[in-house]
Every structure is written in structure tokens, then in C-alpha cells.
PDB file of N, CA and C in Angstrom:
ATOM      1  N   UNK A   1      13.629   2.283   1.574  1.00  0.00           N
ATOM      2  CA  UNK A   1      13.395   3.330   0.620  1.00  0.00           C
ATOM      3  C   UNK A   1      14.715   3.814   0.019  1.00  0.00           C
ATOM      4  N   UNK A   2      15.748   3.860   0.827  1.00  0.00           N
ATOM      5  CA  UNK A   2      17.053   4.282   0.317  1.00  0.00           C
ATOM      6  C   UNK A   2      17.531   3.362  -0.796  1.00  0.00           C
ATOM      7  N   UNK A   3      17.212   2.073  -0.665  1.00  0.00           N
ATOM      8  CA  UNK A   3      17.609   1.115  -1.695  1.00  0.00           C
ATOM      9  C   UNK A   3      16.934   1.432  -3.027  1.00  0.00           C
ATOM     10  N   UNK A   4      15.666   1.821  -2.973  1.00  0.00           N
ATOM     11  CA  UNK A   4      14.947   2.203  -4.199  1.00  0.00           C
ATOM     12  C   UNK A   4      15.609   3.398  -4.867  1.00  0.00           C
ATOM     13  N   UNK A   5      15.965   4.382  -4.065  1.00  0.00           N
ATOM     14  CA  UNK A   5      16.599   5.585  -4.613  1.00  0.00           C
ATOM     15  C   UNK A   5      17.922   5.225  -5.274  1.00  0.00           C
ATOM     16  N   UNK A   6      18.715   4.393  -4.609  1.00  0.00           N
ATOM     17  CA  UNK A   6      20.000   3.989  -5.179  1.00  0.00           C
ATOM     18  C   UNK A   6      19.821   3.219  -6.482  1.00  0.00           C
ATOM     19  N   UNK A   7      18.836   2.339  -6.535  1.00  0.00           N
ATOM     20  CA  UNK A   7      18.566   1.592  -7.768  1.00  0.00           C
ATOM     21  C   UNK A   7      18.156   2.533  -8.899  1.00  0.00           C
ATOM     22  N   UNK A   8      17.275   3.461  -8.600  1.00  0.00           N
ATOM     23  CA  UNK A   8      16.802   4.404  -9.614  1.00  0.00           C
ATOM     24  C   UNK A   8      17.949   5.271 -10.114  1.00  0.00           C
ATOM     25  N   UNK A   9      18.769   5.769  -9.197  1.00  0.00           N
ATOM     26  CA  UNK A   9      19.885   6.639  -9.586  1.00  0.00           C
ATOM     27  C   UNK A   9      20.958   5.883 -10.362  1.00  0.00           C
ATOM     28  N   UNK A  10      21.006   4.564 -10.209  1.00  0.00           N
ATOM     29  CA  UNK A  10      21.983   3.772 -10.963  1.00  0.00           C
ATOM     30  C   UNK A  10      21.449   3.397 -12.346  1.00  0.00           C
ATOM     31  N   UNK A  11      20.209   3.824 -12.633  1.00  0.00           N
ATOM     32  CA  UNK A  11      19.629   3.548 -13.937  1.00  0.00           C
ATOM     33  C   UNK A  11      18.741   2.319 -13.985  1.00  0.00           C
ATOM     34  N   UNK A  12      18.577   1.649 -12.855  1.00  0.00           N
ATOM     35  CA  UNK A  12      17.721   0.463 -12.808  1.00  0.00           C
ATOM     36  C   UNK A  12      16.267   0.881 -12.660  1.00  0.00           C
ATOM     37  N   UNK A  13      15.377   0.034 -13.089  1.00  0.00           N
ATOM     38  CA  UNK A  13      13.952   0.291 -12.970  1.00  0.00           C
ATOM     39  C   UNK A  13      13.422  -0.338 -11.693  1.00  0.00           C
ATOM     40  N   UNK A  14      12.479   0.347 -11.064  1.00  0.00           N
ATOM     41  CA  UNK A  14      11.848  -0.157  -9.858  1.00  0.00           C
ATOM     42  C   UNK A  14      10.340  -0.130 -10.105  1.00  0.00           C
ATOM     43  N   UNK A  15       9.677  -1.226  -9.851  1.00  0.00           N
ATOM     44  CA  UNK A  15       8.240  -1.316 -10.038  1.00  0.00           C
ATOM     45  C   UNK A  15       7.554  -1.262  -8.685  1.00  0.00           C
ATOM     46  N   UNK A  16       6.623  -0.328  -8.549  1.00  0.00           N
ATOM     47  CA  UNK A  16       5.786  -0.258  -7.347  1.00  0.00           C
ATOM     48  C   UNK A  16       4.341  -0.232  -7.810  1.00  0.00           C
ATOM     49  N   UNK A  17       3.470  -0.928  -7.076  1.00  0.00           N
ATOM     50  CA  UNK A  17       2.070  -0.972  -7.495  1.00  0.00           C
ATOM     51  C   UNK A  17       1.181  -1.427  -6.360  1.00  0.00           C
ATOM     52  N   UNK A  18       0.040  -0.748  -6.204  1.00  0.00           N
ATOM     53  CA  UNK A  18      -0.991  -1.191  -5.276  1.00  0.00           C
ATOM     54  C   UNK A  18      -2.178  -1.643  -6.118  1.00  0.00           C
ATOM     55  N   UNK A  19      -3.308  -1.894  -5.510  1.00  0.00           N
ATOM     56  CA  UNK A  19      -4.424  -2.463  -6.277  1.00  0.00           C
ATOM     57  C   UNK A  19      -4.879  -1.563  -7.424  1.00  0.00           C
ATOM     58  N   UNK A  20      -5.085  -0.273  -7.180  1.00  0.00           N
ATOM     59  CA  UNK A  20      -5.511   0.630  -8.253  1.00  0.00           C
ATOM     60  C   UNK A  20      -4.322   1.295  -8.947  1.00  0.00           C
ATOM     61  N   UNK A  21      -3.191   1.331  -8.269  1.00  0.00           N
ATOM     62  CA  UNK A  21      -1.994   1.906  -8.871  1.00  0.00           C
ATOM     63  C   UNK A  21      -1.922   3.409  -8.836  1.00  0.00           C
ATOM     64  N   UNK A  22      -2.704   4.058  -7.956  1.00  0.00           N
ATOM     65  CA  UNK A  22      -2.644   5.524  -7.918  1.00  0.00           C
ATOM     66  C   UNK A  22      -2.434   6.084  -6.515  1.00  0.00           C
ATOM     67  N   UNK A  23      -3.208   5.679  -5.540  1.00  0.00           N
ATOM     68  CA  UNK A  23      -3.111   6.264  -4.206  1.00  0.00           C
ATOM     69  C   UNK A  23      -1.830   5.918  -3.482  1.00  0.00           C
ATOM     70  N   UNK A  24      -1.729   4.667  -3.064  1.00  0.00           N
ATOM     71  CA  UNK A  24      -0.539   4.234  -2.322  1.00  0.00           C
ATOM     72  C   UNK A  24       0.693   4.207  -3.204  1.00  0.00           C
ATOM     73  N   UNK A  25       0.523   3.785  -4.440  1.00  0.00           N
ATOM     74  CA  UNK A  25       1.655   3.778  -5.375  1.00  0.00           C
ATOM     75  C   UNK A  25       2.156   5.194  -5.615  1.00  0.00           C
ATOM     76  N   UNK A  26       1.237   6.117  -5.839  1.00  0.00           N
ATOM     77  CA  UNK A  26       1.611   7.516  -6.052  1.00  0.00           C
ATOM     78  C   UNK A  26       2.287   8.110  -4.836  1.00  0.00           C
ATOM     79  N   UNK A  27       1.809   7.733  -3.657  1.00  0.00           N
ATOM     80  CA  UNK A  27       2.395   8.235  -2.417  1.00  0.00           C
ATOM     81  C   UNK A  27       3.833   7.760  -2.269  1.00  0.00           C
ATOM     82  N   UNK A  28       4.068   6.496  -2.512  1.00  0.00           N
ATOM     83  CA  UNK A  28       5.439   5.975  -2.430  1.00  0.00           C
ATOM     84  C   UNK A  28       6.318   6.598  -3.507  1.00  0.00           C
ATOM     85  N   UNK A  29       5.802   6.701  -4.718  1.00  0.00           N
ATOM     86  CA  UNK A  29       6.570   7.321  -5.804  1.00  0.00           C
ATOM     87  C   UNK A  29       6.904   8.770  -5.506  1.00  0.00           C
ATOM     88  N   UNK A  30       5.950   9.516  -4.970  1.00  0.00           N
ATOM     89  CA  UNK A  30       6.189  10.923  -4.621  1.00  0.00           C
ATOM     90  C   UNK A  30       7.230  11.031  -3.508  1.00  0.00           C
ATOM     91  N   UNK A  31       7.166  10.124  -2.551  1.00  0.00           N
ATOM     92  CA  UNK A  31       8.138  10.131  -1.455  1.00  0.00           C
ATOM     93  C   UNK A  31       9.541   9.867  -1.990  1.00  0.00           C
ATOM     94  N   UNK A  32       9.679   8.887  -2.844  1.00  0.00           N
ATOM     95  CA  UNK A  32      10.988   8.561  -3.419  1.00  0.00           C
ATOM     96  C   UNK A  32      11.514   9.743  -4.232  1.00  0.00           C
ATOM     97  N   UNK A  33      10.671  10.342  -5.056  1.00  0.00           N
ATOM     98  CA  UNK A  33      11.108  11.475  -5.881  1.00  0.00           C
ATOM     99  C   UNK A  33      11.477  12.680  -5.020  1.00  0.00           C
ATOM    100  N   UNK A  34      10.700  12.949  -3.977  1.00  0.00           N
ATOM    101  CA  UNK A  34      11.007  14.071  -3.079  1.00  0.00           C
ATOM    102  C   UNK A  34      12.356  13.841  -2.389  1.00  0.00           C
ATOM    103  N   UNK A  35      12.610  12.626  -1.957  1.00  0.00           N
ATOM    104  CA  UNK A  35      13.897  12.313  -1.318  1.00  0.00           C
ATOM    105  C   UNK A  35      15.049  12.450  -2.307  1.00  0.00           C
ATOM    106  N   UNK A  36      14.823  12.027  -3.546  1.00  0.00           N
ATOM    107  CA  UNK A  36      15.865  12.186  -4.577  1.00  0.00           C
ATOM    108  C   UNK A  36      16.179  13.667  -4.790  1.00  0.00           C
ATOM    109  N   UNK A  37      15.149  14.494  -4.873  1.00  0.00           N
ATOM    110  CA  UNK A  37      15.354  15.935  -5.055  1.00  0.00           C
ATOM    111  C   UNK A  37      16.111  16.526  -3.865  1.00  0.00           C
ATOM    112  N   UNK A  38      15.720  16.119  -2.670  1.00  0.00           N
ATOM    113  CA  UNK A  38      16.372  16.636  -1.472  1.00  0.00           C
ATOM    114  C   UNK A  38      17.844  16.229  -1.421  1.00  0.00           C
ATOM    115  N   UNK A  39      18.142  14.988  -1.796  1.00  0.00           N
ATOM    116  CA  UNK A  39      19.537  14.523  -1.801  1.00  0.00           C
ATOM    117  C   UNK A  39      20.397  15.311  -2.778  1.00  0.00           C
ATOM    118  N   UNK A  40      19.794  15.745  -3.883  1.00  0.00           N
ATOM    119  CA  UNK A  40      20.540  16.489  -4.902  1.00  0.00           C
ATOM    120  C   UNK A  40      20.478  18.001  -4.672  1.00  0.00           C
ATOM    121  N   UNK A  41      19.892  18.405  -3.552  1.00  0.00           N
ATOM    122  CA  UNK A  41      19.721  19.823  -3.220  1.00  0.00           C
ATOM    123  C   UNK A  41      18.961  20.580  -4.302  1.00  0.00           C
ATOM    124  N   UNK A  42      18.052  19.873  -4.978  1.00  0.00           N
ATOM    125  CA  UNK A  42      17.198  20.508  -5.973  1.00  0.00           C
ATOM    126  C   UNK A  42      16.023  21.164  -5.262  1.00  0.00           C
ATOM    127  N   UNK A  43      15.431  22.168  -5.914  1.00  0.00           N
ATOM    128  CA  UNK A  43      14.236  22.790  -5.354  1.00  0.00           C
ATOM    129  C   UNK A  43      13.170  21.718  -5.161  1.00  0.00           C
ATOM    130  N   UNK A  44      12.528  21.751  -4.032  1.00  0.00           N
ATOM    131  CA  UNK A  44      11.582  20.710  -3.676  1.00  0.00           C
ATOM    132  C   UNK A  44      10.175  21.285  -3.615  1.00  0.00           C
ATOM    133  N   UNK A  45       9.315  20.841  -4.508  1.00  0.00           N
ATOM    134  CA  UNK A  45       7.922  21.262  -4.524  1.00  0.00           C
ATOM    135  C   UNK A  45       7.059  20.016  -4.665  1.00  0.00           C
ATOM    136  N   UNK A  46       6.360  19.674  -3.582  1.00  0.00           N
ATOM    137  CA  UNK A  46       5.497  18.501  -3.645  1.00  0.00           C
ATOM    138  C   UNK A  46       4.415  18.687  -4.699  1.00  0.00           C
ATOM    139  N   UNK A  47       3.923  19.910  -4.851  1.00  0.00           N
ATOM    140  CA  UNK A  47       2.911  20.157  -5.876  1.00  0.00           C
ATOM    141  C   UNK A  47       3.449  19.777  -7.254  1.00  0.00           C
ATOM    142  N   UNK A  48       4.658  20.210  -7.576  1.00  0.00           N
ATOM    143  CA  UNK A  48       5.240  19.898  -8.882  1.00  0.00           C
ATOM    144  C   UNK A  48       5.511  18.404  -9.045  1.00  0.00           C
ATOM    145  N   UNK A  49       5.995  17.775  -7.993  1.00  0.00           N
ATOM    146  CA  UNK A  49       6.274  16.336  -8.061  1.00  0.00           C
ATOM    147  C   UNK A  49       4.989  15.569  -8.352  1.00  0.00           C
ATOM    148  N   UNK A  50       3.937  15.861  -7.593  1.00  0.00           N
ATOM    149  CA  UNK A  50       2.665  15.152  -7.788  1.00  0.00           C
ATOM    150  C   UNK A  50       2.051  15.527  -9.133  1.00  0.00           C
ATOM    151  N   UNK A  51       2.131  16.791  -9.508  1.00  0.00           N
ATOM    152  CA  UNK A  51       1.596  17.218 -10.802  1.00  0.00           C
ATOM    153  C   UNK A  51       2.282  16.470 -11.944  1.00  0.00           C
ATOM    154  N   UNK A  52       3.600  16.343 -11.887  1.00  0.00           N
ATOM    155  CA  UNK A  52       4.334  15.596 -12.923  1.00  0.00           C
ATOM    156  C   UNK A  52       3.919  14.128 -12.949  1.00  0.00           C
ATOM    157  N   UNK A  53       3.724  13.539 -11.781  1.00  0.00           N
ATOM    158  CA  UNK A  53       3.304  12.145 -11.724  1.00  0.00           C
ATOM    159  C   UNK A  53       1.905  11.973 -12.307  1.00  0.00           C
ATOM    160  N   UNK A  54       1.033  12.940 -12.038  1.00  0.00           N
ATOM    161  CA  UNK A  54      -0.346  12.848 -12.520  1.00  0.00           C
ATOM    162  C   UNK A  54      -0.444  12.992 -14.040  1.00  0.00           C
ATOM    163  N   UNK A  55       0.580  13.502 -14.659  1.00  0.00           N
ATOM    164  CA  UNK A  55       0.583  13.565 -16.121  1.00  0.00           C
ATOM    165  C   UNK A  55       0.686  12.167 -16.722  1.00  0.00           C
ATOM    166  N   UNK A  56       1.316  11.262 -15.993  1.00  0.00           N
ATOM    167  CA  UNK A  56       1.432   9.874 -16.447  1.00  0.00           C
ATOM    168  C   UNK A  56       0.348   8.985 -15.861  1.00  0.00           C
ATOM    169  N   UNK A  57      -0.045   9.290 -14.645  1.00  0.00           N
ATOM    170  CA  UNK A  57      -1.016   8.441 -13.950  1.00  0.00           C
ATOM    171  C   UNK A  57      -1.978   9.329 -13.161  1.00  0.00           C
ATOM    172  N   UNK A  58      -3.119   9.627 -13.750  1.00  0.00           N
ATOM    173  CA  UNK A  58      -4.112  10.500 -13.149  1.00  0.00           C
ATOM    174  C   UNK A  58      -4.541   9.978 -11.780  1.00  0.00           C
ATOM    175  N   UNK A  59      -4.599  10.857 -10.801  1.00  0.00           N
ATOM    176  CA  UNK A  59      -5.085  10.481  -9.477  1.00  0.00           C
ATOM    177  C   UNK A  59      -4.028  10.109  -8.468  1.00  0.00           C
ATOM    178  N   UNK A  60      -2.752  10.182  -8.852  1.00  0.00           N
ATOM    179  CA  UNK A  60      -1.688   9.846  -7.900  1.00  0.00           C
ATOM    180  C   UNK A  60      -1.777  10.725  -6.665  1.00  0.00           C
ATOM    181  N   UNK A  61      -1.518  10.148  -5.522  1.00  0.00           N
ATOM    182  CA  UNK A  61      -1.591  10.803  -4.217  1.00  0.00           C
ATOM    183  C   UNK A  61      -2.992  11.392  -4.066  1.00  0.00           C
ATOM    184  N   UNK A  62      -3.895  10.591  -3.531  1.00  0.00           N
ATOM    185  CA  UNK A  62      -5.312  10.930  -3.539  1.00  0.00           C
ATOM    186  C   UNK A  62      -5.811  11.725  -2.346  1.00  0.00           C
ATOM    187  N   UNK A  63      -5.218  11.556  -1.182  1.00  0.00           N
ATOM    188  CA  UNK A  63      -5.804  12.132   0.026  1.00  0.00           C
ATOM    189  C   UNK A  63      -4.807  13.024   0.770  1.00  0.00           C
ATOM    190  N   UNK A  64      -5.349  13.832   1.673  1.00  0.00           N
ATOM    191  CA  UNK A  64      -4.518  14.674   2.529  1.00  0.00           C
ATOM    192  C   UNK A  64      -3.594  13.809   3.387  1.00  0.00           C
ATOM    193  N   UNK A  65      -4.087  12.667   3.824  1.00  0.00           N
ATOM    194  CA  UNK A  65      -3.269  11.763   4.634  1.00  0.00           C
ATOM    195  C   UNK A  65      -2.060  11.257   3.849  1.00  0.00           C
ATOM    196  N   UNK A  66      -2.242  11.041   2.552  1.00  0.00           N
ATOM    197  CA  UNK A  66      -1.123  10.581   1.728  1.00  0.00           C
ATOM    198  C   UNK A  66      -0.091  11.692   1.551  1.00  0.00           C
ATOM    199  N   UNK A  67      -0.539  12.932   1.347  1.00  0.00           N
ATOM    200  CA  UNK A  67       0.394  14.059   1.305  1.00  0.00           C
ATOM    201  C   UNK A  67       1.133  14.168   2.637  1.00  0.00           C
ATOM    202  N   UNK A  68       0.399  14.040   3.736  1.00  0.00           N
ATOM    203  CA  UNK A  68       1.015  14.123   5.069  1.00  0.00           C
ATOM    204  C   UNK A  68       2.066  13.044   5.257  1.00  0.00           C
ATOM    205  N   UNK A  69       1.790  11.849   4.756  1.00  0.00           N
ATOM    206  CA  UNK A  69       2.753  10.760   4.849  1.00  0.00           C
ATOM    207  C   UNK A  69       4.062  11.136   4.166  1.00  0.00           C
ATOM    208  N   UNK A  70       3.963  11.711   2.977  1.00  0.00           N
ATOM    209  CA  UNK A  70       5.170  12.108   2.237  1.00  0.00           C
ATOM    210  C   UNK A  70       5.973  13.112   3.050  1.00  0.00           C
ATOM    211  N   UNK A  71       5.319  14.147   3.570  1.00  0.00           N
ATOM    212  CA  UNK A  71       6.021  15.161   4.359  1.00  0.00           C
ATOM    213  C   UNK A  71       6.633  14.547   5.621  1.00  0.00           C
ATOM    214  N   UNK A  72       5.912  13.637   6.266  1.00  0.00           N
ATOM    215  CA  UNK A  72       6.426  13.000   7.474  1.00  0.00           C
ATOM    216  C   UNK A  72       7.677  12.175   7.150  1.00  0.00           C
ATOM    217  N   UNK A  73       7.649  11.454   6.056  1.00  0.00           N
ATOM    218  CA  UNK A  73       8.819  10.656   5.668  1.00  0.00           C
ATOM    219  C   UNK A  73      10.013  11.551   5.348  1.00  0.00           C
ATOM    220  N   UNK A  74       9.754  12.678   4.696  1.00  0.00           N
ATOM    221  CA  UNK A  74      10.850  13.605   4.403  1.00  0.00           C
ATOM    222  C   UNK A  74      11.489  14.106   5.690  1.00  0.00           C
ATOM    223  N   UNK A  75      10.652  14.463   6.666  1.00  0.00           N
ATOM    224  CA  UNK A  75      11.186  14.951   7.940  1.00  0.00           C
ATOM    225  C   UNK A  75      11.999  13.877   8.640  1.00  0.00           C
ATOM    226  N   UNK A  76      11.538  12.632   8.580  1.00  0.00           N
ATOM    227  CA  UNK A  76      12.252  11.531   9.233  1.00  0.00           C
ATOM    228  C   UNK A  76      13.598  11.243   8.568  1.00  0.00           C
ATOM    229  N   UNK A  77      13.645  11.349   7.254  1.00  0.00           N
ATOM    230  CA  UNK A  77      14.825  10.892   6.520  1.00  0.00           C
ATOM    231  C   UNK A  77      15.839  11.992   6.225  1.00  0.00           C
ATOM    232  N   UNK A  78      15.469  13.238   6.446  1.00  0.00           N
ATOM    233  CA  UNK A  78      16.421  14.327   6.170  1.00  0.00           C
ATOM    234  C   UNK A  78      16.993  14.894   7.441  1.00  0.00           C
TER     235      UNK A  78
END
């Protein structure tokens, strides 16, 4: 995951996709964005991150388990 963040911050594009492109893809995208915000000491709001993602792709991060995954990854990596 750190490699994805470094690629994104260097201006490179990273493609992530699951079968529908919303649940698992949204979860990974939200995790990467939350970690980027945390690294930059920016205010961190999962609601805002997911809301912004849903403006481009309706339905991102579909379940409570997916939200929990994001929070668990943040705790592990910070």
C-alpha cells in the first residue's frame, strides 16, 4: 500500500478495480486516501473521503465491514 501512495504522490496514476468497481475498489481507494491525509497531517474524516469518492463512483465502500477494514488498516499503519 505504501508503494501506491508513493506512486500517487509522485504524480503517477494507479488503477485499482474489482468486479463491480465500487465495494472493494472503494475500500482500497479510501484506505489509500486516508493514509495520504494522515501522512500529511491533514484533517482526517472518513465520511468526507468516502463522500468525495462517491461523487465520482456511486456506492464506494458499501458495508460496515469495509469501513471497519479502512479503520483497522489506519491503526496498523500509523
